[in-house]
N, C-alpha and C. Protein backbone atom coordinates (compact mmCIF):
# COMPACT_ATOMS: atom_id res chain seq x y z
N MET A 1 -15.95 -71.78 -32.17
CA MET A 1 -16.88 -72.04 -31.09
C MET A 1 -16.09 -72.26 -29.80
N LEU A 2 -16.64 -71.79 -28.70
CA LEU A 2 -16.03 -72.00 -27.39
C LEU A 2 -15.85 -73.49 -27.14
N THR A 3 -14.68 -73.84 -26.64
CA THR A 3 -14.37 -75.22 -26.28
C THR A 3 -14.20 -75.30 -24.78
N LEU A 4 -14.70 -76.39 -24.17
CA LEU A 4 -14.54 -76.60 -22.74
C LEU A 4 -13.54 -77.73 -22.51
N THR A 5 -12.66 -77.54 -21.54
CA THR A 5 -11.74 -78.62 -21.17
C THR A 5 -12.53 -79.66 -20.37
N PRO A 6 -12.02 -80.87 -20.25
CA PRO A 6 -12.71 -81.88 -19.44
C PRO A 6 -12.96 -81.41 -18.00
N THR A 7 -12.03 -80.68 -17.43
CA THR A 7 -12.21 -80.17 -16.07
C THR A 7 -13.34 -79.16 -16.01
N ALA A 8 -13.40 -78.26 -16.98
CA ALA A 8 -14.48 -77.27 -17.02
C ALA A 8 -15.84 -77.96 -17.20
N ILE A 9 -15.88 -78.98 -18.03
CA ILE A 9 -17.13 -79.73 -18.22
C ILE A 9 -17.60 -80.31 -16.89
N GLU A 10 -16.69 -80.92 -16.14
CA GLU A 10 -17.05 -81.51 -14.84
C GLU A 10 -17.56 -80.46 -13.86
N VAL A 11 -16.88 -79.31 -13.80
CA VAL A 11 -17.27 -78.25 -12.86
C VAL A 11 -18.64 -77.69 -13.23
N VAL A 12 -18.86 -77.40 -14.51
CA VAL A 12 -20.16 -76.88 -14.95
C VAL A 12 -21.26 -77.89 -14.65
N ARG A 13 -21.00 -79.14 -14.96
CA ARG A 13 -22.00 -80.19 -14.72
C ARG A 13 -22.31 -80.30 -13.23
N ALA A 14 -21.31 -80.24 -12.38
CA ALA A 14 -21.53 -80.32 -10.93
C ALA A 14 -22.32 -79.11 -10.43
N MET A 15 -22.01 -77.92 -10.94
CA MET A 15 -22.70 -76.71 -10.50
C MET A 15 -24.17 -76.71 -10.92
N THR A 16 -24.45 -77.23 -12.09
CA THR A 16 -25.81 -77.14 -12.63
C THR A 16 -26.67 -78.35 -12.36
N SER A 17 -26.09 -79.39 -11.78
CA SER A 17 -26.88 -80.58 -11.48
C SER A 17 -27.04 -80.80 -9.98
N ALA A 18 -26.70 -79.79 -9.20
CA ALA A 18 -26.86 -79.89 -7.75
C ALA A 18 -28.35 -80.07 -7.41
N GLU A 19 -28.59 -80.60 -6.25
CA GLU A 19 -29.96 -80.85 -5.82
C GLU A 19 -30.78 -79.56 -5.87
N GLY A 20 -31.98 -79.67 -6.42
CA GLY A 20 -32.88 -78.53 -6.50
C GLY A 20 -32.73 -77.70 -7.77
N MET A 21 -31.72 -78.00 -8.59
CA MET A 21 -31.53 -77.26 -9.83
C MET A 21 -32.49 -77.78 -10.90
N PRO A 22 -33.03 -76.89 -11.73
CA PRO A 22 -33.88 -77.34 -12.84
C PRO A 22 -33.08 -78.21 -13.81
N GLU A 23 -33.76 -79.08 -14.50
CA GLU A 23 -33.09 -80.00 -15.43
C GLU A 23 -32.33 -79.26 -16.53
N ALA A 24 -32.82 -78.11 -16.95
CA ALA A 24 -32.20 -77.36 -18.04
C ALA A 24 -31.19 -76.32 -17.54
N ALA A 25 -30.82 -76.37 -16.27
CA ALA A 25 -29.90 -75.38 -15.72
C ALA A 25 -28.56 -75.43 -16.45
N GLY A 26 -27.95 -74.25 -16.61
CA GLY A 26 -26.66 -74.16 -17.27
C GLY A 26 -25.88 -72.97 -16.76
N LEU A 27 -24.62 -72.93 -17.12
CA LEU A 27 -23.77 -71.79 -16.80
C LEU A 27 -24.00 -70.76 -17.90
N ARG A 28 -24.45 -69.58 -17.52
CA ARG A 28 -24.70 -68.52 -18.50
C ARG A 28 -23.56 -67.53 -18.46
N ILE A 29 -22.98 -67.27 -19.63
CA ILE A 29 -21.93 -66.28 -19.77
C ILE A 29 -22.51 -65.15 -20.60
N PHE A 30 -22.46 -63.94 -20.05
CA PHE A 30 -23.14 -62.83 -20.69
C PHE A 30 -22.44 -61.52 -20.40
N THR A 31 -22.84 -60.50 -21.13
CA THR A 31 -22.38 -59.14 -20.88
C THR A 31 -23.59 -58.35 -20.42
N ALA A 32 -23.36 -57.37 -19.59
CA ALA A 32 -24.48 -56.57 -19.08
C ALA A 32 -24.26 -55.10 -19.42
N ASP A 33 -25.33 -54.41 -19.72
CA ASP A 33 -25.29 -52.97 -19.95
C ASP A 33 -24.27 -52.58 -21.01
N ASP A 34 -24.22 -53.33 -22.10
CA ASP A 34 -23.29 -53.06 -23.20
C ASP A 34 -21.84 -52.98 -22.75
N SER A 35 -21.52 -53.65 -21.67
CA SER A 35 -20.16 -53.70 -21.16
C SER A 35 -19.40 -54.79 -21.90
N SER A 36 -18.10 -54.68 -21.94
CA SER A 36 -17.30 -55.73 -22.55
C SER A 36 -16.87 -56.78 -21.53
N ALA A 37 -17.17 -56.55 -20.25
CA ALA A 37 -16.81 -57.51 -19.20
C ALA A 37 -17.78 -58.68 -19.21
N LEU A 38 -17.23 -59.87 -19.14
CA LEU A 38 -18.06 -61.07 -19.10
C LEU A 38 -18.53 -61.33 -17.67
N GLN A 39 -19.76 -61.80 -17.56
CA GLN A 39 -20.31 -62.17 -16.27
C GLN A 39 -20.79 -63.61 -16.35
N LEU A 40 -20.78 -64.29 -15.21
CA LEU A 40 -21.21 -65.69 -15.16
C LEU A 40 -22.29 -65.84 -14.11
N ALA A 41 -23.26 -66.70 -14.40
CA ALA A 41 -24.32 -67.01 -13.45
C ALA A 41 -24.90 -68.36 -13.82
N ILE A 42 -25.48 -69.00 -12.83
CA ILE A 42 -26.23 -70.23 -13.10
C ILE A 42 -27.63 -69.79 -13.52
N ALA A 43 -28.09 -70.30 -14.66
CA ALA A 43 -29.41 -69.94 -15.18
C ALA A 43 -30.28 -71.19 -15.26
N ALA A 44 -31.55 -71.02 -14.97
CA ALA A 44 -32.50 -72.13 -15.03
C ALA A 44 -32.69 -72.62 -16.46
N GLU A 45 -32.54 -71.70 -17.41
CA GLU A 45 -32.68 -72.02 -18.82
C GLU A 45 -32.02 -70.91 -19.62
N PRO A 46 -31.79 -71.13 -20.91
CA PRO A 46 -31.16 -70.07 -21.71
C PRO A 46 -32.12 -68.91 -21.93
N ALA A 47 -31.55 -67.71 -22.10
CA ALA A 47 -32.36 -66.56 -22.52
C ALA A 47 -32.74 -66.76 -23.98
N GLU A 48 -33.70 -66.00 -24.44
CA GLU A 48 -34.26 -66.20 -25.79
C GLU A 48 -33.22 -66.21 -26.90
N GLN A 49 -32.25 -65.31 -26.86
CA GLN A 49 -31.27 -65.21 -27.94
C GLN A 49 -29.96 -65.94 -27.65
N ASP A 50 -29.87 -66.67 -26.55
CA ASP A 50 -28.62 -67.34 -26.18
C ASP A 50 -28.24 -68.46 -27.13
N GLN A 51 -26.94 -68.60 -27.34
CA GLN A 51 -26.38 -69.75 -28.03
C GLN A 51 -26.21 -70.83 -26.95
N VAL A 52 -26.60 -72.06 -27.25
CA VAL A 52 -26.52 -73.15 -26.28
C VAL A 52 -25.39 -74.09 -26.69
N LEU A 53 -24.48 -74.31 -25.74
CA LEU A 53 -23.36 -75.22 -25.95
C LEU A 53 -23.54 -76.39 -25.01
N MET A 54 -23.63 -77.60 -25.56
CA MET A 54 -23.77 -78.82 -24.76
C MET A 54 -22.47 -79.60 -24.85
N ALA A 55 -21.98 -80.05 -23.70
CA ALA A 55 -20.74 -80.83 -23.68
C ALA A 55 -20.83 -81.87 -22.57
N GLU A 56 -21.03 -83.11 -22.96
CA GLU A 56 -21.03 -84.24 -22.03
C GLU A 56 -21.90 -84.00 -20.80
N GLY A 57 -23.12 -83.54 -21.02
CA GLY A 57 -24.06 -83.36 -19.91
C GLY A 57 -23.98 -82.00 -19.25
N SER A 58 -23.06 -81.14 -19.67
CA SER A 58 -23.01 -79.78 -19.13
C SER A 58 -23.59 -78.83 -20.17
N ARG A 59 -24.18 -77.74 -19.69
CA ARG A 59 -24.77 -76.75 -20.58
C ARG A 59 -24.16 -75.39 -20.30
N VAL A 60 -23.80 -74.70 -21.37
CA VAL A 60 -23.31 -73.33 -21.28
C VAL A 60 -24.18 -72.49 -22.20
N TYR A 61 -24.69 -71.39 -21.66
CA TYR A 61 -25.52 -70.46 -22.42
C TYR A 61 -24.72 -69.18 -22.63
N LEU A 62 -24.64 -68.75 -23.88
CA LEU A 62 -23.85 -67.57 -24.24
C LEU A 62 -24.73 -66.51 -24.89
N ASP A 63 -24.70 -65.29 -24.36
CA ASP A 63 -25.43 -64.23 -25.06
C ASP A 63 -24.64 -63.88 -26.32
N ARG A 64 -25.22 -63.06 -27.17
CA ARG A 64 -24.64 -62.77 -28.48
C ARG A 64 -23.22 -62.22 -28.39
N GLN A 65 -23.00 -61.24 -27.51
CA GLN A 65 -21.66 -60.65 -27.39
C GLN A 65 -20.66 -61.64 -26.82
N ALA A 66 -21.06 -62.39 -25.82
CA ALA A 66 -20.15 -63.39 -25.24
C ALA A 66 -19.81 -64.47 -26.26
N ALA A 67 -20.80 -64.92 -27.02
CA ALA A 67 -20.55 -65.95 -28.04
C ALA A 67 -19.55 -65.46 -29.07
N ALA A 68 -19.67 -64.20 -29.50
CA ALA A 68 -18.75 -63.65 -30.49
C ALA A 68 -17.33 -63.56 -29.92
N TYR A 69 -17.22 -63.07 -28.69
CA TYR A 69 -15.90 -62.93 -28.07
C TYR A 69 -15.25 -64.29 -27.80
N LEU A 70 -16.03 -65.27 -27.37
CA LEU A 70 -15.49 -66.56 -26.96
C LEU A 70 -15.39 -67.57 -28.10
N ASP A 71 -15.72 -67.15 -29.30
CA ASP A 71 -15.77 -68.06 -30.45
C ASP A 71 -14.49 -68.85 -30.65
N ASP A 72 -13.34 -68.26 -30.38
CA ASP A 72 -12.06 -68.94 -30.59
C ASP A 72 -11.31 -69.15 -29.28
N LYS A 73 -12.06 -69.37 -28.20
CA LYS A 73 -11.46 -69.49 -26.87
C LYS A 73 -11.73 -70.87 -26.26
N ILE A 74 -10.98 -71.13 -25.18
CA ILE A 74 -11.13 -72.35 -24.39
C ILE A 74 -11.52 -71.95 -22.97
N LEU A 75 -12.53 -72.60 -22.42
CA LEU A 75 -12.93 -72.39 -21.03
C LEU A 75 -12.33 -73.51 -20.20
N ASP A 76 -11.57 -73.12 -19.18
CA ASP A 76 -10.91 -74.09 -18.31
C ASP A 76 -11.13 -73.64 -16.87
N THR A 77 -10.63 -74.40 -15.94
CA THR A 77 -10.67 -74.02 -14.54
C THR A 77 -9.25 -73.96 -14.02
N GLY A 78 -9.05 -73.20 -12.97
CA GLY A 78 -7.73 -73.08 -12.39
C GLY A 78 -7.69 -71.91 -11.43
N GLN A 79 -6.49 -71.46 -11.13
CA GLN A 79 -6.33 -70.33 -10.22
C GLN A 79 -5.92 -69.09 -10.99
N ASP A 80 -6.51 -67.96 -10.60
CA ASP A 80 -6.14 -66.70 -11.22
C ASP A 80 -4.84 -66.20 -10.57
N PRO A 81 -4.30 -65.08 -11.03
CA PRO A 81 -3.04 -64.57 -10.47
C PRO A 81 -3.08 -64.31 -8.96
N ASN A 82 -4.29 -64.15 -8.41
CA ASN A 82 -4.43 -63.92 -6.96
C ASN A 82 -4.60 -65.22 -6.17
N GLY A 83 -4.54 -66.36 -6.87
CA GLY A 83 -4.68 -67.64 -6.20
C GLY A 83 -6.12 -68.08 -5.97
N GLU A 84 -7.07 -67.38 -6.58
CA GLU A 84 -8.49 -67.73 -6.43
C GLU A 84 -8.89 -68.76 -7.49
N ASP A 85 -9.65 -69.79 -7.08
CA ASP A 85 -10.15 -70.77 -8.03
C ASP A 85 -11.28 -70.16 -8.84
N GLY A 86 -11.36 -70.56 -10.10
CA GLY A 86 -12.43 -70.07 -10.96
C GLY A 86 -12.25 -70.56 -12.38
N PHE A 87 -13.01 -69.95 -13.26
CA PHE A 87 -12.91 -70.28 -14.68
C PHE A 87 -11.85 -69.40 -15.32
N LEU A 88 -11.12 -69.97 -16.27
CA LEU A 88 -10.09 -69.26 -17.01
C LEU A 88 -10.42 -69.35 -18.49
N ILE A 89 -10.17 -68.29 -19.21
CA ILE A 89 -10.38 -68.26 -20.65
C ILE A 89 -9.03 -68.07 -21.31
N SER A 90 -8.75 -68.91 -22.30
CA SER A 90 -7.49 -68.79 -23.03
C SER A 90 -7.77 -68.98 -24.52
N PRO A 91 -6.84 -68.51 -25.36
CA PRO A 91 -7.04 -68.68 -26.80
C PRO A 91 -6.83 -70.13 -27.21
N GLN A 92 -7.54 -70.53 -28.26
CA GLN A 92 -7.30 -71.85 -28.83
C GLN A 92 -6.02 -71.76 -29.64
N HIS A 93 -5.20 -72.76 -29.55
CA HIS A 93 -3.95 -72.78 -30.32
C HIS A 93 -4.25 -73.32 -31.71
N ARG A 94 -3.83 -72.61 -32.67
CA ARG A 94 -4.08 -73.00 -34.06
C ARG A 94 -2.76 -73.43 -34.69
N ASP A 95 -2.86 -74.37 -35.59
CA ASP A 95 -1.73 -74.80 -36.39
C ASP A 95 -1.27 -73.61 -37.24
N PRO A 96 0.03 -73.34 -37.32
CA PRO A 96 0.51 -72.21 -38.12
C PRO A 96 0.08 -72.28 -39.58
N LEU A 97 -0.21 -73.48 -40.07
CA LEU A 97 -0.64 -73.64 -41.46
C LEU A 97 -2.16 -73.51 -41.58
N GLY A 98 -2.85 -73.30 -40.44
CA GLY A 98 -4.29 -73.15 -40.48
C GLY A 98 -5.05 -74.45 -40.58
N MET A 99 -4.41 -75.54 -40.25
CA MET A 99 -5.05 -76.85 -40.34
C MET A 99 -5.49 -77.34 -39.00
């Protein structure tokens, strides 16, 4: 399952709890037009088939393809190679013994 770092939790919570946002607002991660590229948007609520991830007051909605791809990933925040702030996805580190 996708894991969020404490920083990502704070950013998602701040984005989705801004004034005027619906109570169920969340960060939606999805693919469009059968593309493998992930897209992000603030959604008022999850889509019908979305997987809902709750973490300390933040909500992330994942469509089926995004949930499968992100199953063993970590969502964090930081700067990309161009120096732009945003969300970063990295693999979860596993113990070599599988524990």
